[in-house]
């Protein structure tokens, strides 16, 4: 029992030290481009999800900046449409995984894992997050919408650690979600995907790194 307590204390101190070294993270799922601008969606065009029904890479030639985040667009028309009504096209929950947002976690962002539901763009951290979210979109949206005002302005690392340490009352483990999915889909296999590990995702890499670097999927690259 005492040994387990020391291990828990060491883990907590290690995570606290890593958090100090890495900072609390940005409030949006951004990565810096070559000029140091915080770019959303790894440079993908948020309007294109609605107009073309697929992820389309934007360009720094057509960009719109909002507080703490910048969007790239495929053309000037899309940039103008976004500029007139950004709330219509911006991804929900700061571009973080919509599945995690339902549990107050701000982690993961893959612009190729997405869904439009009731006119809103949702981004997921990976195929597993998207699969879990699709079990009950309305449930996930309701919980994330309720939590988002309180966590919106918090850095993603700090907020995710806080959410793991103090879980929301409706928290579900990955095993619970998978079990429910398999119950509803007998004979079908749960997606095989390596999310990369908590330390890497929380401290060593930025949001969207798996999609950018091609960890278990085609590499999109970072915005230039």
C-alpha atoms as a PDB file:
ATOM      1  CA  UNK A   1       0.000   0.000   0.000  1.00  0.00           C
ATOM      2  CA  UNK A   2       2.810   2.406   0.934  1.00  0.00           C
ATOM      3  CA  UNK A   3       4.710   1.579  -2.262  1.00  0.00           C
ATOM      4  CA  UNK A   4       1.597   2.263  -4.331  1.00  0.00           C
ATOM      5  CA  UNK A   5       1.243   5.616  -2.573  1.00  0.00           C
ATOM      6  CA  UNK A   6       4.819   6.559  -3.464  1.00  0.00           C
ATOM      7  CA  UNK A   7       4.214   5.587  -7.101  1.00  0.00           C
ATOM      8  CA  UNK A   8       1.095   7.754  -7.204  1.00  0.00           C
ATOM      9  CA  UNK A   9       2.949  10.685  -5.627  1.00  0.00           C
ATOM     10  CA  UNK A  10       5.865  10.308  -8.034  1.00  0.00           C
ATOM     11  CA  UNK A  11       3.512  10.225 -11.009  1.00  0.00           C
ATOM     12  CA  UNK A  12       1.731  13.354  -9.794  1.00  0.00           C
ATOM     13  CA  UNK A  13       5.023  15.204  -9.254  1.00  0.00           C
ATOM     14  CA  UNK A  14       6.317  14.091 -12.639  1.00  0.00           C
ATOM     15  CA  UNK A  15       3.179  15.325 -14.389  1.00  0.00           C
ATOM     16  CA  UNK A  16       3.298  18.605 -12.466  1.00  0.00           C
ATOM     17  CA  UNK A  17       6.921  19.107 -13.505  1.00  0.00           C
ATOM     18  CA  UNK A  18       6.154  18.325 -17.107  1.00  0.00           C
ATOM     19  CA  UNK A  19       3.251  20.756 -17.014  1.00  0.00           C
ATOM     20  CA  UNK A  20       5.519  23.543 -15.746  1.00  0.00           C
ATOM     21  CA  UNK A  21       8.063  22.787 -18.482  1.00  0.00           C
ATOM     22  CA  UNK A  22       5.500  22.500 -21.258  1.00  0.00           C
ATOM     23  CA  UNK A  23       3.139  25.256 -20.154  1.00  0.00           C
ATOM     24  CA  UNK A  24      -0.616  24.946 -19.876  1.00  0.00           C
ATOM     25  CA  UNK A  25      -1.113  24.912 -23.631  1.00  0.00           C
ATOM     26  CA  UNK A  26      -3.174  27.109 -25.898  1.00  0.00           C
ATOM     27  CA  UNK A  27      -6.950  27.444 -25.419  1.00  0.00           C
ATOM     28  CA  UNK A  28      -7.536  26.397 -29.044  1.00  0.00           C
ATOM     29  CA  UNK A  29      -6.250  23.368 -30.965  1.00  0.00           C
ATOM     30  CA  UNK A  30      -3.584  25.341 -32.814  1.00  0.00           C
ATOM     31  CA  UNK A  31      -0.097  24.656 -34.121  1.00  0.00           C
ATOM     32  CA  UNK A  32       2.326  27.371 -35.158  1.00  0.00           C
ATOM     33  CA  UNK A  33       3.116  27.938 -38.811  1.00  0.00           C
ATOM     34  CA  UNK A  34       6.490  29.111 -40.122  1.00  0.00           C
ATOM     35  CA  UNK A  35       5.682  32.685 -39.079  1.00  0.00           C
ATOM     36  CA  UNK A  36       4.662  31.679 -35.570  1.00  0.00           C
ATOM     37  CA  UNK A  37       0.942  32.174 -36.123  1.00  0.00           C
ATOM     38  CA  UNK A  38      -1.363  29.779 -34.231  1.00  0.00           C
ATOM     39  CA  UNK A  39      -3.134  27.915 -37.041  1.00  0.00           C
ATOM     40  CA  UNK A  40      -6.291  25.842 -36.644  1.00  0.00           C
ATOM     41  CA  UNK A  41      -7.118  22.538 -38.364  1.00  0.00           C
ATOM     42  CA  UNK A  42      -3.499  22.075 -39.492  1.00  0.00           C
ATOM     43  CA  UNK A  43      -4.242  24.700 -42.116  1.00  0.00           C
ATOM     44  CA  UNK A  44      -7.413  23.119 -43.489  1.00  0.00           C
ATOM     45  CA  UNK A  45     -10.258  25.285 -44.742  1.00  0.00           C
ATOM     46  CA  UNK A  46     -13.251  25.237 -42.310  1.00  0.00           C
ATOM     47  CA  UNK A  47     -15.676  26.458 -44.981  1.00  0.00           C
ATOM     48  CA  UNK A  48     -14.835  23.587 -47.339  1.00  0.00           C
ATOM     49  CA  UNK A  49     -16.345  21.037 -44.961  1.00  0.00           C
ATOM     50  CA  UNK A  50     -19.696  22.680 -45.636  1.00  0.00           C
ATOM     51  CA  UNK A  51     -19.313  23.530 -49.319  1.00  0.00           C
ATOM     52  CA  UNK A  52     -17.364  20.502 -50.566  1.00  0.00           C
ATOM     53  CA  UNK A  53     -18.121  17.905 -47.925  1.00  0.00           C
ATOM     54  CA  UNK A  54     -14.480  17.040 -47.349  1.00  0.00           C
ATOM     55  CA  UNK A  55     -11.285  18.371 -45.737  1.00  0.00           C
ATOM     56  CA  UNK A  56      -9.446  20.770 -48.076  1.00  0.00           C
ATOM     57  CA  UNK A  57      -6.041  22.271 -47.328  1.00  0.00           C
ATOM     58  CA  UNK A  58      -6.003  26.050 -47.202  1.00  0.00           C
ATOM     59  CA  UNK A  59      -3.206  28.500 -47.882  1.00  0.00           C
ATOM     60  CA  UNK A  60      -1.552  31.275 -45.897  1.00  0.00           C
ATOM     61  CA  UNK A  61      -2.383  33.509 -48.884  1.00  0.00           C
ATOM     62  CA  UNK A  62      -6.013  33.366 -47.763  1.00  0.00           C
ATOM     63  CA  UNK A  63      -6.227  33.604 -44.017  1.00  0.00           C
ATOM     64  CA  UNK A  64      -8.408  35.125 -41.324  1.00  0.00           C
ATOM     65  CA  UNK A  65      -7.174  35.713 -37.798  1.00  0.00           C
ATOM     66  CA  UNK A  66      -9.332  35.717 -34.684  1.00  0.00           C
ATOM     67  CA  UNK A  67      -8.117  36.117 -31.092  1.00  0.00           C
ATOM     68  CA  UNK A  68      -5.694  33.266 -30.419  1.00  0.00           C
ATOM     69  CA  UNK A  69      -6.247  31.450 -33.720  1.00  0.00           C
ATOM     70  CA  UNK A  70      -5.820  31.766 -37.470  1.00  0.00           C
ATOM     71  CA  UNK A  71      -7.610  29.920 -40.255  1.00  0.00           C
ATOM     72  CA  UNK A  72      -6.326  29.188 -43.740  1.00  0.00           C
ATOM     73  CA  UNK A  73      -8.688  29.003 -46.715  1.00  0.00           C
ATOM     74  CA  UNK A  74      -8.537  27.454 -50.149  1.00  0.00           C
ATOM     75  CA  UNK A  75      -9.617  30.675 -51.852  1.00  0.00           C
ATOM     76  CA  UNK A  76     -10.627  34.276 -51.229  1.00  0.00           C
ATOM     77  CA  UNK A  77     -14.334  33.476 -51.488  1.00  0.00           C
ATOM     78  CA  UNK A  78     -14.167  31.063 -48.592  1.00  0.00           C
ATOM     79  CA  UNK A  79     -12.144  33.534 -46.520  1.00  0.00           C
ATOM     80  CA  UNK A  80     -14.762  36.232 -47.173  1.00  0.00           C
ATOM     81  CA  UNK A  81     -17.625  33.910 -46.217  1.00  0.00           C
ATOM     82  CA  UNK A  82     -15.871  33.014 -42.978  1.00  0.00           C
ATOM     83  CA  UNK A  83     -15.036  36.618 -42.196  1.00  0.00           C
ATOM     84  CA  UNK A  84     -18.712  37.574 -42.464  1.00  0.00           C
ATOM     85  CA  UNK A  85     -19.936  34.778 -40.168  1.00  0.00           C
ATOM     86  CA  UNK A  86     -17.130  32.888 -38.376  1.00  0.00           C
ATOM     87  CA  UNK A  87     -19.555  31.355 -35.881  1.00  0.00           C
ATOM     88  CA  UNK A  88     -21.189  29.473 -38.764  1.00  0.00           C
ATOM     89  CA  UNK A  89     -18.021  27.714 -39.878  1.00  0.00           C
ATOM     90  CA  UNK A  90     -15.695  27.432 -36.884  1.00  0.00           C
ATOM     91  CA  UNK A  91     -15.253  23.925 -35.472  1.00  0.00           C
ATOM     92  CA  UNK A  92     -16.914  23.362 -32.134  1.00  0.00           C
ATOM     93  CA  UNK A  93     -14.976  23.267 -28.845  1.00  0.00           C
ATOM     94  CA  UNK A  94     -11.919  25.056 -30.134  1.00  0.00           C
ATOM     95  CA  UNK A  95     -11.213  22.353 -32.701  1.00  0.00           C
ATOM     96  CA  UNK A  96     -10.438  19.763 -30.010  1.00  0.00           C
ATOM     97  CA  UNK A  97     -11.896  16.269 -30.092  1.00  0.00           C
ATOM     98  CA  UNK A  98     -15.667  16.588 -29.668  1.00  0.00           C
ATOM     99  CA  UNK A  99     -15.758  13.225 -27.913  1.00  0.00           C
ATOM    100  CA  UNK A 100     -13.272  14.360 -25.269  1.00  0.00           C
ATOM    101  CA  UNK A 101     -15.036  17.710 -24.869  1.00  0.00           C
ATOM    102  CA  UNK A 102     -18.084  15.872 -23.503  1.00  0.00           C
ATOM    103  CA  UNK A 103     -15.869  14.964 -20.512  1.00  0.00           C
ATOM    104  CA  UNK A 104     -14.136  18.398 -20.239  1.00  0.00           C
ATOM    105  CA  UNK A 105     -10.991  17.088 -21.972  1.00  0.00           C
ATOM    106  CA  UNK A 106      -9.336  19.403 -24.518  1.00  0.00           C
ATOM    107  CA  UNK A 107      -7.144  16.970 -26.399  1.00  0.00           C
ATOM    108  CA  UNK A 108      -6.655  15.707 -29.943  1.00  0.00           C
ATOM    109  CA  UNK A 109      -7.493  17.335 -33.265  1.00  0.00           C
ATOM    110  CA  UNK A 110      -7.463  15.554 -36.615  1.00  0.00           C
ATOM    111  CA  UNK A 111      -8.978  17.627 -39.460  1.00  0.00           C
ATOM    112  CA  UNK A 112      -9.654  14.446 -41.446  1.00  0.00           C
ATOM    113  CA  UNK A 113     -11.861  13.065 -38.642  1.00  0.00           C
ATOM    114  CA  UNK A 114     -14.932  15.258 -38.752  1.00  0.00           C
ATOM    115  CA  UNK A 115     -18.702  15.430 -38.937  1.00  0.00           C
ATOM    116  CA  UNK A 116     -21.331  18.080 -39.563  1.00  0.00           C
ATOM    117  CA  UNK A 117     -24.304  17.648 -37.262  1.00  0.00           C
ATOM    118  CA  UNK A 118     -27.234  20.087 -37.227  1.00  0.00           C
ATOM    119  CA  UNK A 119     -25.197  22.638 -39.126  1.00  0.00           C
ATOM    120  CA  UNK A 120     -22.221  22.502 -36.742  1.00  0.00           C
ATOM    121  CA  UNK A 121     -18.710  21.249 -37.525  1.00  0.00           C
ATOM    122  CA  UNK A 122     -17.256  18.734 -35.079  1.00  0.00           C
ATOM    123  CA  UNK A 123     -13.622  17.633 -35.170  1.00  0.00           C
ATOM    124  CA  UNK A 124     -12.280  14.488 -33.512  1.00  0.00           C
ATOM    125  CA  UNK A 125      -8.877  13.472 -32.260  1.00  0.00           C
ATOM    126  CA  UNK A 126      -8.857  10.245 -34.236  1.00  0.00           C
ATOM    127  CA  UNK A 127     -11.061   7.493 -35.605  1.00  0.00           C
ATOM    128  CA  UNK A 128     -11.639   6.117 -32.095  1.00  0.00           C
ATOM    129  CA  UNK A 129     -12.946   9.441 -30.799  1.00  0.00           C
ATOM    130  CA  UNK A 130     -15.236   9.768 -33.787  1.00  0.00           C
ATOM    131  CA  UNK A 131     -16.520   6.205 -33.398  1.00  0.00           C
ATOM    132  CA  UNK A 132     -17.234   6.768 -29.692  1.00  0.00           C
ATOM    133  CA  UNK A 133     -19.008  10.089 -30.366  1.00  0.00           C
ATOM    134  CA  UNK A 134     -21.257   8.538 -32.991  1.00  0.00           C
ATOM    135  CA  UNK A 135     -22.738   6.206 -30.377  1.00  0.00           C
ATOM    136  CA  UNK A 136     -24.883   9.126 -29.222  1.00  0.00           C
ATOM    137  CA  UNK A 137     -24.167  12.512 -30.842  1.00  0.00           C
ATOM    138  CA  UNK A 138     -26.965  14.283 -28.959  1.00  0.00           C
ATOM    139  CA  UNK A 139     -25.658  13.081 -25.571  1.00  0.00           C
ATOM    140  CA  UNK A 140     -22.105  14.146 -26.398  1.00  0.00           C
ATOM    141  CA  UNK A 141     -23.158  17.527 -27.737  1.00  0.00           C
ATOM    142  CA  UNK A 142     -25.365  18.291 -24.734  1.00  0.00           C
ATOM    143  CA  UNK A 143     -22.586  17.541 -22.238  1.00  0.00           C
ATOM    144  CA  UNK A 144     -19.866  19.334 -24.208  1.00  0.00           C
ATOM    145  CA  UNK A 145     -22.065  22.393 -24.729  1.00  0.00           C
ATOM    146  CA  UNK A 146     -22.732  22.567 -21.000  1.00  0.00           C
ATOM    147  CA  UNK A 147     -19.041  22.262 -20.076  1.00  0.00           C
ATOM    148  CA  UNK A 148     -17.517  24.423 -22.777  1.00  0.00           C
ATOM    149  CA  UNK A 149     -18.226  27.906 -21.319  1.00  0.00           C
ATOM    150  CA  UNK A 150     -16.202  26.983 -18.214  1.00  0.00           C
ATOM    151  CA  UNK A 151     -13.229  25.441 -20.018  1.00  0.00           C
ATOM    152  CA  UNK A 152     -13.115  27.475 -23.252  1.00  0.00           C
ATOM    153  CA  UNK A 153     -10.379  29.891 -22.154  1.00  0.00           C
ATOM    154  CA  UNK A 154      -8.194  27.357 -20.345  1.00  0.00           C
ATOM    155  CA  UNK A 155      -5.034  25.952 -21.890  1.00  0.00           C
ATOM    156  CA  UNK A 156      -5.510  22.463 -23.256  1.00  0.00           C
ATOM    157  CA  UNK A 157      -2.793  20.750 -21.221  1.00  0.00           C
ATOM    158  CA  UNK A 158      -3.874  22.186 -17.894  1.00  0.00           C
ATOM    159  CA  UNK A 159      -7.552  21.587 -18.552  1.00  0.00           C
ATOM    160  CA  UNK A 160      -7.026  18.009 -19.705  1.00  0.00           C
ATOM    161  CA  UNK A 161      -4.989  17.181 -16.604  1.00  0.00           C
ATOM    162  CA  UNK A 162      -7.679  18.797 -14.473  1.00  0.00           C
ATOM    163  CA  UNK A 163     -10.365  16.752 -16.206  1.00  0.00           C
ATOM    164  CA  UNK A 164      -8.478  13.488 -15.665  1.00  0.00           C
ATOM    165  CA  UNK A 165      -7.845  14.288 -11.990  1.00  0.00           C
ATOM    166  CA  UNK A 166     -11.415  15.443 -11.279  1.00  0.00           C
ATOM    167  CA  UNK A 167     -13.696  13.522 -13.586  1.00  0.00           C
ATOM    168  CA  UNK A 168     -17.138  14.798 -14.453  1.00  0.00           C
ATOM    169  CA  UNK A 169     -20.037  12.811 -12.938  1.00  0.00           C
ATOM    170  CA  UNK A 170     -21.013  11.332 -16.310  1.00  0.00           C
ATOM    171  CA  UNK A 171     -17.464  10.190 -17.143  1.00  0.00           C
ATOM    172  CA  UNK A 172     -17.145   6.961 -19.120  1.00  0.00           C
ATOM    173  CA  UNK A 173     -13.924   4.992 -19.494  1.00  0.00           C
ATOM    174  CA  UNK A 174     -12.662   3.907 -22.881  1.00  0.00           C
ATOM    175  CA  UNK A 175     -13.454   0.320 -21.928  1.00  0.00           C
ATOM    176  CA  UNK A 176     -17.058   1.227 -21.083  1.00  0.00           C
ATOM    177  CA  UNK A 177     -17.529   3.050 -24.369  1.00  0.00           C
ATOM    178  CA  UNK A 178     -16.005   0.210 -26.346  1.00  0.00           C
ATOM    179  CA  UNK A 179     -18.184  -2.351 -24.559  1.00  0.00           C
ATOM    180  CA  UNK A 180     -21.319  -0.381 -25.445  1.00  0.00           C
ATOM    181  CA  UNK A 181     -20.208  -0.030 -29.052  1.00  0.00           C
ATOM    182  CA  UNK A 182     -19.561  -3.757 -29.352  1.00  0.00           C
ATOM    183  CA  UNK A 183     -22.950  -4.490 -27.779  1.00  0.00           C
ATOM    184  CA  UNK A 184     -24.624  -2.365 -30.442  1.00  0.00           C
ATOM    185  CA  UNK A 185     -22.468  -3.721 -33.281  1.00  0.00           C
ATOM    186  CA  UNK A 186     -22.174  -7.485 -32.759  1.00  0.00           C
ATOM    187  CA  UNK A 187     -19.625  -9.150 -34.977  1.00  0.00           C
ATOM    188  CA  UNK A 188     -17.913  -5.876 -35.912  1.00  0.00           C
ATOM    189  CA  UNK A 189     -14.420  -4.924 -34.785  1.00  0.00           C
ATOM    190  CA  UNK A 190     -13.633  -1.809 -32.767  1.00  0.00           C
ATOM    191  CA  UNK A 191     -11.213   0.414 -34.736  1.00  0.00           C
ATOM    192  CA  UNK A 192      -7.581  -0.575 -34.312  1.00  0.00           C
ATOM    193  CA  UNK A 193      -5.623   2.621 -33.682  1.00  0.00           C
ATOM    194  CA  UNK A 194      -2.690   3.573 -31.454  1.00  0.00           C
ATOM    195  CA  UNK A 195      -3.390   7.012 -29.922  1.00  0.00           C
ATOM    196  CA  UNK A 196       0.269   7.468 -29.011  1.00  0.00           C
ATOM    197  CA  UNK A 197       0.175   7.455 -25.208  1.00  0.00           C
ATOM    198  CA  UNK A 198      -0.875  10.044 -22.631  1.00  0.00           C
ATOM    199  CA  UNK A 199       2.596  11.493 -21.956  1.00  0.00           C
ATOM    200  CA  UNK A 200       3.190  12.123 -25.662  1.00  0.00           C
ATOM    201  CA  UNK A 201      -0.245  13.623 -26.187  1.00  0.00           C
ATOM    202  CA  UNK A 202      -0.245  15.792 -23.071  1.00  0.00           C
ATOM    203  CA  UNK A 203       3.355  16.994 -22.891  1.00  0.00           C
ATOM    204  CA  UNK A 204       5.530  16.187 -25.877  1.00  0.00           C
ATOM    205  CA  UNK A 205       3.415  16.990 -28.939  1.00  0.00           C
ATOM    206  CA  UNK A 206       0.944  19.687 -30.059  1.00  0.00           C
ATOM    207  CA  UNK A 207      -2.726  19.078 -30.868  1.00  0.00           C
ATOM    208  CA  UNK A 208      -3.090  17.279 -34.169  1.00  0.00           C
ATOM    209  CA  UNK A 209       0.413  15.807 -34.151  1.00  0.00           C
ATOM    210  CA  UNK A 210      -0.699  12.306 -35.138  1.00  0.00           C
ATOM    211  CA  UNK A 211      -2.404  13.576 -38.280  1.00  0.00           C
ATOM    212  CA  UNK A 212       0.429  15.995 -39.051  1.00  0.00           C
ATOM    213  CA  UNK A 213       3.236  13.483 -38.619  1.00  0.00           C
ATOM    214  CA  UNK A 214       1.447  10.407 -39.935  1.00  0.00           C
ATOM    215  CA  UNK A 215       1.341   8.377 -36.743  1.00  0.00           C
ATOM    216  CA  UNK A 216      -0.711   5.367 -37.840  1.00  0.00           C
ATOM    217  CA  UNK A 217      -2.252   7.310 -40.735  1.00  0.00           C
ATOM    218  CA  UNK A 218      -1.180   9.339 -43.794  1.00  0.00           C
ATOM    219  CA  UNK A 219       0.924  12.370 -42.853  1.00  0.00           C
ATOM    220  CA  UNK A 220      -0.731  15.747 -43.491  1.00  0.00           C
ATOM    221  CA  UNK A 221       2.262  17.837 -42.437  1.00  0.00           C
ATOM    222  CA  UNK A 222       2.239  20.979 -40.345  1.00  0.00           C
ATOM    223  CA  UNK A 223       0.986  24.290 -41.791  1.00  0.00           C
ATOM    224  CA  UNK A 224       3.651  26.313 -43.569  1.00  0.00           C
END
